[in-house]
Every structure is written in C-alpha cells, then in structure tokens.
Protein backbone atom coordinates (compact mmCIF):
# COMPACT_ATOMS: atom_id res chain seq x y z
CA MET A 1 6.39 3.22 -19.52
CA PHE A 2 5.45 6.75 -20.57
CA ALA A 3 6.67 8.29 -17.30
CA SER A 4 9.98 6.47 -17.49
CA HIS A 5 10.49 7.19 -21.19
CA HIS A 6 10.01 10.91 -20.59
CA SER A 7 12.13 10.97 -17.40
CA LEU A 8 9.21 12.18 -15.28
CA ASP A 9 11.03 12.02 -11.98
CA ASN A 10 8.43 14.20 -10.26
CA ILE A 11 5.82 11.40 -10.33
CA ASN A 12 5.38 9.62 -7.00
CA LEU A 13 3.21 6.50 -6.72
CA ILE A 14 2.19 4.67 -3.56
CA VAL A 15 0.82 1.15 -3.95
CA ASP A 16 -1.05 -0.26 -0.96
CA ASN A 17 -0.07 -3.89 -1.38
CA ASN A 18 -2.43 -5.66 1.02
CA GLY A 19 -3.12 -8.63 -1.27
CA ILE A 20 -6.91 -8.41 -0.98
CA SER A 21 -9.73 -6.84 -2.97
CA MET A 22 -13.46 -6.93 -2.33
CA LEU A 23 -13.58 -9.95 -4.62
CA GLY A 24 -11.08 -11.93 -2.56
CA HIS A 25 -7.35 -12.48 -2.42
CA THR A 26 -5.59 -10.83 -5.35
CA ASP A 27 -3.55 -13.93 -6.18
CA ASP A 28 -6.84 -15.73 -6.86
CA ILE A 29 -7.89 -12.95 -9.25
CA VAL A 30 -4.62 -11.84 -10.86
CA SER A 31 -1.20 -12.48 -9.39
CA HIS A 32 0.83 -9.40 -8.54
CA ASP A 33 3.48 -10.91 -6.32
CA SER A 34 6.21 -9.00 -8.12
CA ILE A 35 4.84 -5.46 -8.26
CA SER A 36 8.25 -4.01 -7.42
CA SER A 37 10.12 -5.90 -10.14
CA ARG A 38 7.40 -5.11 -12.67
CA LEU A 39 7.64 -1.39 -11.95
CA GLU A 40 11.44 -1.57 -12.07
CA ALA A 41 11.22 -3.32 -15.45
CA PHE A 42 9.35 -0.26 -16.74
CA GLY A 43 12.08 2.07 -15.46
CA TRP A 44 10.64 3.10 -12.09
CA GLU A 45 12.70 3.55 -8.93
CA VAL A 46 10.98 1.43 -6.28
CA ALA A 47 11.13 1.34 -2.48
CA GLU A 48 9.36 -1.58 -0.84
CA ILE A 49 8.41 -0.87 2.77
CA ASN A 50 6.25 -1.89 5.70
CA GLY A 51 3.22 0.30 5.09
CA HIS A 52 2.23 0.18 8.76
CA ASN A 53 5.45 1.93 9.81
CA VAL A 54 4.48 5.61 9.61
CA THR A 55 8.08 6.75 10.10
CA LYS A 56 9.23 4.62 7.16
CA VAL A 57 6.35 5.86 4.97
CA HIS A 58 7.25 9.47 5.77
CA GLU A 59 10.95 8.84 5.17
CA SER A 60 10.28 7.14 1.82
CA ILE A 61 8.01 9.95 0.59
CA LYS A 62 10.60 12.53 1.66
CA ASN A 63 13.36 10.65 -0.19
CA GLN A 64 11.21 10.40 -3.32
CA LYS A 65 10.53 14.13 -3.37
CA ILE A 66 14.20 15.12 -3.22
CA SER A 67 15.48 12.52 -5.70
CA ARG A 68 15.89 13.83 -9.24
CA ASN A 69 17.41 10.93 -11.17
CA GLY A 70 15.16 10.92 -14.24
CA LYS A 71 13.01 8.04 -12.96
CA PRO A 72 9.43 8.08 -11.72
CA LYS A 73 9.23 6.85 -8.11
CA ALA A 74 7.05 4.19 -6.50
CA ILE A 75 6.59 3.04 -2.95
CA VAL A 76 5.17 -0.45 -2.53
CA ALA A 77 3.68 -0.34 0.95
CA ASN A 78 3.15 -3.89 2.15
CA THR A 79 0.18 -3.83 4.50
CA LYS A 80 -2.39 -6.12 6.07
CA LYS A 81 -5.99 -5.21 5.30
CA GLY A 82 -7.82 -4.27 8.49
CA PHE A 83 -4.52 -4.15 10.39
CA GLY A 84 -4.90 -4.00 14.16
CA ILE A 85 -8.55 -4.99 14.26
CA PRO A 86 -8.74 -8.78 14.60
CA GLU A 87 -12.34 -8.97 13.36
CA LEU A 88 -11.39 -7.17 10.14
CA GLU A 89 -7.83 -8.34 9.44
CA ASN A 90 -7.48 -10.04 6.06
CA GLN A 91 -11.22 -9.95 5.46
CA PRO A 92 -12.02 -9.08 1.82
CA LEU A 93 -15.31 -7.40 2.72
CA CYS A 94 -13.97 -5.32 5.63
CA HIS A 95 -14.44 -2.09 3.61
CA ILE A 96 -18.18 -2.60 3.48
CA THR A 97 -18.73 -4.35 6.81
CA ASN A 98 -20.62 -2.56 9.55
CA PRO A 99 -18.69 -3.30 12.74
CA LYS A 100 -20.73 -4.04 15.85
CA PRO A 101 -21.01 -1.09 18.29
CA GLU A 102 -18.91 -2.94 20.88
CA THR A 103 -16.16 -3.45 18.28
CA ILE A 104 -16.17 0.28 17.48
CA ASP A 105 -16.02 1.13 21.21
CA ARG A 106 -13.07 -1.24 21.68
CA ILE A 107 -11.21 0.19 18.67
CA LEU A 108 -11.73 3.75 19.94
CA GLY A 109 -10.84 2.81 23.50
CA VAL A 110 -14.24 3.74 24.87
CA ALA A 111 -14.81 2.33 28.35
CA SER A 112 -17.89 0.19 28.78
C-alpha cells in the first residue's frame, strides 16, 4: 500500500508462486490463490507468467524496468517446486532433501 500510495514505480517484485512451503501446500496453511488480484487491489501493476520460461521472465523484468506509470510492479511467476526432477517435484521438503548420488549424476548428465 505504501509503495502504491507514493507512486514508487521503481519497485520490482518477483513472487515465486509454487504453492508449497516446507510445512506443506500453501493452501493448507494460508490460501493465496489470488496473489495477482490482491496486489492489484493495493495498486500494483502485475504480470502473471510461467516462471519456468526464462525468455518470458527476462521479457517481463525488462518491461517492468522501462515502465514508469506511477505503480510498483510485480511478477507472479507460477512455478512447480523441484521442476524437472521427478523425485523432487511438488515435494515440500525438497529444499532440505539430500538427493541420492545417482539422482545427482542423472540431473547433471553424468554417464554411469
């Protein structure tokens, strides 16, 4: 609210919206299914994107930096926790899990 009220259009926020915390799925803890509309309600300009698309992330950041419309900017990057690694995808504890050596080798493309 402060940023919007004071027209701080040089503030850029990126929200990694993967729906999971270490405690479990965010909807089981506190629902945030409408992050974009909540930010917009407080006067933010919001772009909602696929956070796994590096080109789109770059494009969105670039657009935020050049826009001077009196609104703070936010990117809601919808992602999947552990994306691309089946053993870790959508696993709440993947940030603190020690992957097996063979999983690390597979991820890095190391030949056995």
